């Protein structure tokens, strides 16, 4: 159980990344960005 606490910074970073990704995705939809640009952005994140 103590070991899981030591790995929490990495899970926190991962959570922040997905939260930021989610908000960017929502913002893209709100601004009516084309689905092509959203897909290109998603592929860019996957490659990284």
N, C-alpha and C. Protein backbone atom coordinates (compact mmCIF):
# COMPACT_ATOMS: atom_id res chain seq x y z
N UNK A 1 0.84 -1.21 0.00
CA UNK A 1 0.00 0.00 0.00
C UNK A 1 0.87 1.26 0.00
N UNK A 2 1.99 1.22 0.74
CA UNK A 2 2.88 2.38 0.79
C UNK A 2 3.50 2.62 -0.58
N UNK A 3 3.80 1.54 -1.30
CA UNK A 3 4.41 1.67 -2.62
C UNK A 3 3.49 2.42 -3.60
N UNK A 4 2.18 2.26 -3.45
CA UNK A 4 1.26 2.94 -4.35
C UNK A 4 1.33 4.46 -4.15
N UNK A 5 1.66 4.90 -2.93
CA UNK A 5 1.80 6.33 -2.67
C UNK A 5 2.99 6.90 -3.44
N UNK A 6 4.05 6.13 -3.54
CA UNK A 6 5.25 6.60 -4.23
C UNK A 6 5.00 6.78 -5.73
N UNK A 7 4.04 6.03 -6.30
CA UNK A 7 3.77 6.13 -7.72
C UNK A 7 2.69 7.18 -8.01
N UNK A 8 2.18 7.81 -6.97
CA UNK A 8 1.09 8.77 -7.16
C UNK A 8 1.48 10.00 -7.98
N UNK A 9 2.71 10.53 -7.89
CA UNK A 9 3.03 11.68 -8.75
C UNK A 9 2.86 11.36 -10.22
N UNK A 10 3.25 10.16 -10.65
CA UNK A 10 3.13 9.81 -12.06
C UNK A 10 1.66 9.66 -12.44
N UNK A 11 0.84 9.12 -11.56
CA UNK A 11 -0.58 8.99 -11.88
C UNK A 11 -1.24 10.37 -11.87
N UNK A 12 -0.75 11.26 -11.02
CA UNK A 12 -1.29 12.63 -10.98
C UNK A 12 -0.97 13.34 -12.29
N UNK A 13 0.25 13.19 -12.77
CA UNK A 13 0.64 13.80 -14.04
C UNK A 13 -0.22 13.26 -15.17
N UNK A 14 -0.46 11.95 -15.14
CA UNK A 14 -1.28 11.32 -16.17
C UNK A 14 -2.71 11.87 -16.11
N UNK A 15 -3.24 12.02 -14.91
CA UNK A 15 -4.59 12.55 -14.74
C UNK A 15 -4.68 13.98 -15.27
N UNK A 16 -3.68 14.81 -14.94
CA UNK A 16 -3.67 16.19 -15.42
C UNK A 16 -3.61 16.24 -16.94
N UNK A 17 -2.82 15.32 -17.53
CA UNK A 17 -2.71 15.28 -18.98
C UNK A 17 -4.07 14.98 -19.61
N UNK A 18 -4.78 13.97 -19.07
CA UNK A 18 -6.07 13.60 -19.65
C UNK A 18 -7.12 14.68 -19.41
N UNK A 19 -7.05 15.37 -18.26
CA UNK A 19 -7.99 16.46 -17.99
C UNK A 19 -7.74 17.60 -18.98
N UNK A 20 -6.47 17.93 -19.19
CA UNK A 20 -6.13 18.99 -20.15
C UNK A 20 -6.56 18.58 -21.55
N UNK A 21 -6.31 17.33 -21.92
CA UNK A 21 -6.70 16.82 -23.24
C UNK A 21 -8.21 16.93 -23.42
N UNK A 22 -8.96 16.57 -22.37
CA UNK A 22 -10.42 16.61 -22.41
C UNK A 22 -10.91 18.03 -22.63
N UNK A 23 -10.34 18.99 -21.89
CA UNK A 23 -10.78 20.38 -22.04
C UNK A 23 -10.40 20.94 -23.41
N UNK A 24 -9.22 20.57 -23.92
CA UNK A 24 -8.82 21.02 -25.27
C UNK A 24 -9.79 20.43 -26.30
N UNK A 25 -10.15 19.17 -26.10
CA UNK A 25 -11.09 18.50 -27.01
C UNK A 25 -12.44 19.21 -26.98
N UNK A 26 -12.94 19.54 -25.78
CA UNK A 26 -14.21 20.25 -25.64
C UNK A 26 -14.13 21.62 -26.31
N UNK A 27 -13.03 22.31 -26.10
CA UNK A 27 -12.86 23.64 -26.68
C UNK A 27 -12.87 23.55 -28.21
N UNK A 28 -12.25 22.51 -28.73
CA UNK A 28 -12.22 22.32 -30.19
C UNK A 28 -13.63 22.12 -30.72
N UNK A 29 -14.45 21.36 -29.99
CA UNK A 29 -15.83 21.13 -30.41
C UNK A 29 -16.63 22.43 -30.31
N UNK A 30 -16.44 23.17 -29.24
CA UNK A 30 -17.18 24.43 -29.05
C UNK A 30 -16.85 25.43 -30.15
N UNK A 31 -15.60 25.48 -30.56
CA UNK A 31 -15.20 26.42 -31.60
C UNK A 31 -15.51 25.86 -32.99
N UNK A 32 -16.18 24.70 -33.01
CA UNK A 32 -16.60 24.06 -34.27
C UNK A 32 -15.42 23.80 -35.19
N UNK A 33 -14.33 23.33 -34.60
CA UNK A 33 -13.19 22.95 -35.42
C UNK A 33 -13.59 21.74 -36.26
N UNK A 34 -12.93 21.57 -37.38
CA UNK A 34 -13.26 20.44 -38.24
C UNK A 34 -12.84 19.14 -37.57
N UNK A 35 -13.57 18.06 -37.85
CA UNK A 35 -13.23 16.77 -37.26
C UNK A 35 -11.86 16.31 -37.75
N UNK A 36 -11.49 16.74 -38.95
CA UNK A 36 -10.18 16.35 -39.48
C UNK A 36 -9.06 16.89 -38.58
N UNK A 37 -9.19 18.15 -38.17
CA UNK A 37 -8.14 18.74 -37.31
C UNK A 37 -8.11 18.05 -35.95
N UNK A 38 -9.28 17.66 -35.46
CA UNK A 38 -9.34 16.96 -34.16
C UNK A 38 -8.65 15.60 -34.29
N UNK A 39 -8.92 14.91 -35.40
CA UNK A 39 -8.31 13.59 -35.61
C UNK A 39 -6.80 13.74 -35.76
N UNK A 40 -6.37 14.76 -36.51
CA UNK A 40 -4.93 14.99 -36.70
C UNK A 40 -4.28 15.26 -35.34
N UNK A 41 -4.96 16.07 -34.51
CA UNK A 41 -4.43 16.40 -33.19
C UNK A 41 -4.32 15.13 -32.33
N UNK A 42 -5.37 14.29 -32.40
CA UNK A 42 -5.37 13.06 -31.61
C UNK A 42 -4.23 12.15 -32.05
N UNK A 43 -4.04 12.02 -33.36
CA UNK A 43 -2.95 11.18 -33.87
C UNK A 43 -1.60 11.74 -33.41
N UNK A 44 -1.48 13.07 -33.38
CA UNK A 44 -0.24 13.69 -32.93
C UNK A 44 0.05 13.33 -31.49
N UNK A 45 -0.99 13.32 -30.65
CA UNK A 45 -0.80 12.97 -29.24
C UNK A 45 -0.41 11.51 -29.10
N UNK A 46 -1.02 10.64 -29.91
CA UNK A 46 -0.72 9.22 -29.82
C UNK A 46 0.73 8.97 -30.23
N UNK A 47 1.18 9.66 -31.28
CA UNK A 47 2.56 9.49 -31.74
C UNK A 47 3.54 9.94 -30.66
N UNK A 48 3.21 11.07 -30.01
CA UNK A 48 4.07 11.57 -28.94
C UNK A 48 4.02 10.59 -27.77
